[in-house]
């Protein structure tokens, strides 16, 4: 599960980075919305497990830029409530 989570994080980070570049930022935003919508279909326990893995990855990430993305990922993609 951790390997799949790493892959998912890297793909979403890449898509997110294309929003700021020239091209078609709406397409990238739609893909990120699709990812968030898919997470909405997970059970609360599944979202919690995924959030925990993301938080573990953030804690061990040496790159400040990637760590910042990971730190925001769980809230940005609806894995945790912003009230937590």
C-alpha atoms as a PDB file:
ATOM      1  CA  UNK A   1       0.000   0.000   0.000  1.00  0.00           C
ATOM      2  CA  UNK A   2       2.860   2.400   0.765  1.00  0.00           C
ATOM      3  CA  UNK A   3       4.380   1.889  -2.694  1.00  0.00           C
ATOM      4  CA  UNK A   4       1.053   2.637  -4.382  1.00  0.00           C
ATOM      5  CA  UNK A   5       0.630   5.698  -2.197  1.00  0.00           C
ATOM      6  CA  UNK A   6       4.082   6.960  -3.208  1.00  0.00           C
ATOM      7  CA  UNK A   7       3.153   6.509  -6.862  1.00  0.00           C
ATOM      8  CA  UNK A   8      -0.153   8.308  -6.398  1.00  0.00           C
ATOM      9  CA  UNK A   9       1.534  11.186  -4.575  1.00  0.00           C
ATOM     10  CA  UNK A  10       4.142  11.613  -7.290  1.00  0.00           C
ATOM     11  CA  UNK A  11       1.530  11.615 -10.052  1.00  0.00           C
ATOM     12  CA  UNK A  12      -0.681  14.142  -8.281  1.00  0.00           C
ATOM     13  CA  UNK A  13       2.331  16.342  -7.506  1.00  0.00           C
ATOM     14  CA  UNK A  14       3.278  16.273 -11.182  1.00  0.00           C
ATOM     15  CA  UNK A  15      -0.265  17.121 -12.288  1.00  0.00           C
ATOM     16  CA  UNK A  16      -0.448  19.881  -9.683  1.00  0.00           C
ATOM     17  CA  UNK A  17       2.795  21.391 -10.970  1.00  0.00           C
ATOM     18  CA  UNK A  18       1.388  21.637 -14.499  1.00  0.00           C
ATOM     19  CA  UNK A  19      -1.408  23.946 -13.362  1.00  0.00           C
ATOM     20  CA  UNK A  20       1.065  26.826 -13.049  1.00  0.00           C
ATOM     21  CA  UNK A  21       2.706  26.210 -16.423  1.00  0.00           C
ATOM     22  CA  UNK A  22       1.543  27.286 -19.852  1.00  0.00           C
ATOM     23  CA  UNK A  23      -0.738  24.833 -21.512  1.00  0.00           C
ATOM     24  CA  UNK A  24      -4.091  23.601 -20.377  1.00  0.00           C
ATOM     25  CA  UNK A  25      -4.332  24.095 -16.624  1.00  0.00           C
ATOM     26  CA  UNK A  26      -8.044  23.202 -16.629  1.00  0.00           C
ATOM     27  CA  UNK A  27      -7.227  19.664 -17.719  1.00  0.00           C
ATOM     28  CA  UNK A  28      -4.788  19.251 -14.837  1.00  0.00           C
ATOM     29  CA  UNK A  29      -7.295  20.686 -12.371  1.00  0.00           C
ATOM     30  CA  UNK A  30      -9.945  18.253 -13.633  1.00  0.00           C
ATOM     31  CA  UNK A  31      -7.595  15.338 -13.046  1.00  0.00           C
ATOM     32  CA  UNK A  32      -6.884  16.489  -9.494  1.00  0.00           C
ATOM     33  CA  UNK A  33     -10.628  16.839  -8.905  1.00  0.00           C
ATOM     34  CA  UNK A  34     -11.036  13.273 -10.176  1.00  0.00           C
ATOM     35  CA  UNK A  35      -8.470  12.033  -7.648  1.00  0.00           C
ATOM     36  CA  UNK A  36     -10.217  13.886  -4.811  1.00  0.00           C
ATOM     37  CA  UNK A  37     -13.588  12.537  -5.951  1.00  0.00           C
ATOM     38  CA  UNK A  38     -12.228   9.009  -5.956  1.00  0.00           C
ATOM     39  CA  UNK A  39     -10.986   9.497  -2.401  1.00  0.00           C
ATOM     40  CA  UNK A  40     -14.511  10.585  -1.443  1.00  0.00           C
ATOM     41  CA  UNK A  41     -15.686   7.098  -2.397  1.00  0.00           C
ATOM     42  CA  UNK A  42     -13.363   5.474   0.158  1.00  0.00           C
ATOM     43  CA  UNK A  43     -14.681   4.514   3.552  1.00  0.00           C
ATOM     44  CA  UNK A  44     -13.614   6.704   6.476  1.00  0.00           C
ATOM     45  CA  UNK A  45     -11.236   3.927   7.601  1.00  0.00           C
ATOM     46  CA  UNK A  46      -9.670   3.715   4.139  1.00  0.00           C
ATOM     47  CA  UNK A  47      -9.215   7.490   3.974  1.00  0.00           C
ATOM     48  CA  UNK A  48      -7.682   7.407   7.448  1.00  0.00           C
ATOM     49  CA  UNK A  49      -5.248   4.662   6.460  1.00  0.00           C
ATOM     50  CA  UNK A  50      -4.226   6.536   3.340  1.00  0.00           C
ATOM     51  CA  UNK A  51      -3.816   9.775   5.309  1.00  0.00           C
ATOM     52  CA  UNK A  52      -1.618   7.977   7.823  1.00  0.00           C
ATOM     53  CA  UNK A  53       0.679   6.682   5.072  1.00  0.00           C
ATOM     54  CA  UNK A  54       0.923  10.146   3.519  1.00  0.00           C
ATOM     55  CA  UNK A  55       1.799  11.636   6.915  1.00  0.00           C
ATOM     56  CA  UNK A  56       4.495   8.975   7.421  1.00  0.00           C
ATOM     57  CA  UNK A  57       5.940   9.782   4.008  1.00  0.00           C
ATOM     58  CA  UNK A  58       5.963  13.491   4.852  1.00  0.00           C
ATOM     59  CA  UNK A  59       7.787  12.855   8.114  1.00  0.00           C
ATOM     60  CA  UNK A  60      10.656  11.126   6.299  1.00  0.00           C
ATOM     61  CA  UNK A  61      10.789  13.266   3.135  1.00  0.00           C
ATOM     62  CA  UNK A  62      14.144  15.055   2.793  1.00  0.00           C
ATOM     63  CA  UNK A  63      12.979  17.506   0.088  1.00  0.00           C
ATOM     64  CA  UNK A  64      11.302  20.587   1.592  1.00  0.00           C
ATOM     65  CA  UNK A  65       9.192  21.113  -1.541  1.00  0.00           C
ATOM     66  CA  UNK A  66       7.909  17.529  -1.576  1.00  0.00           C
ATOM     67  CA  UNK A  67       7.369  17.572   2.209  1.00  0.00           C
ATOM     68  CA  UNK A  68       5.245  20.724   1.861  1.00  0.00           C
ATOM     69  CA  UNK A  69       3.129  19.017  -0.814  1.00  0.00           C
ATOM     70  CA  UNK A  70       2.750  15.916   1.367  1.00  0.00           C
ATOM     71  CA  UNK A  71       1.846  17.984   4.428  1.00  0.00           C
ATOM     72  CA  UNK A  72      -1.005  19.622   2.509  1.00  0.00           C
ATOM     73  CA  UNK A  73      -2.091  16.494   0.618  1.00  0.00           C
ATOM     74  CA  UNK A  74      -4.390  14.939   3.212  1.00  0.00           C
ATOM     75  CA  UNK A  75      -6.448  18.097   3.638  1.00  0.00           C
ATOM     76  CA  UNK A  76      -6.267  19.224   0.004  1.00  0.00           C
ATOM     77  CA  UNK A  77      -7.609  15.885  -1.228  1.00  0.00           C
ATOM     78  CA  UNK A  78     -10.223  15.426   1.480  1.00  0.00           C
ATOM     79  CA  UNK A  79      -8.585  12.582   3.371  1.00  0.00           C
ATOM     80  CA  UNK A  80      -9.071  14.483   6.632  1.00  0.00           C
ATOM     81  CA  UNK A  81     -11.458  17.231   7.634  1.00  0.00           C
ATOM     82  CA  UNK A  82      -9.935  20.679   7.750  1.00  0.00           C
ATOM     83  CA  UNK A  83     -11.300  20.912  11.294  1.00  0.00           C
ATOM     84  CA  UNK A  84      -8.956  18.148  12.512  1.00  0.00           C
END
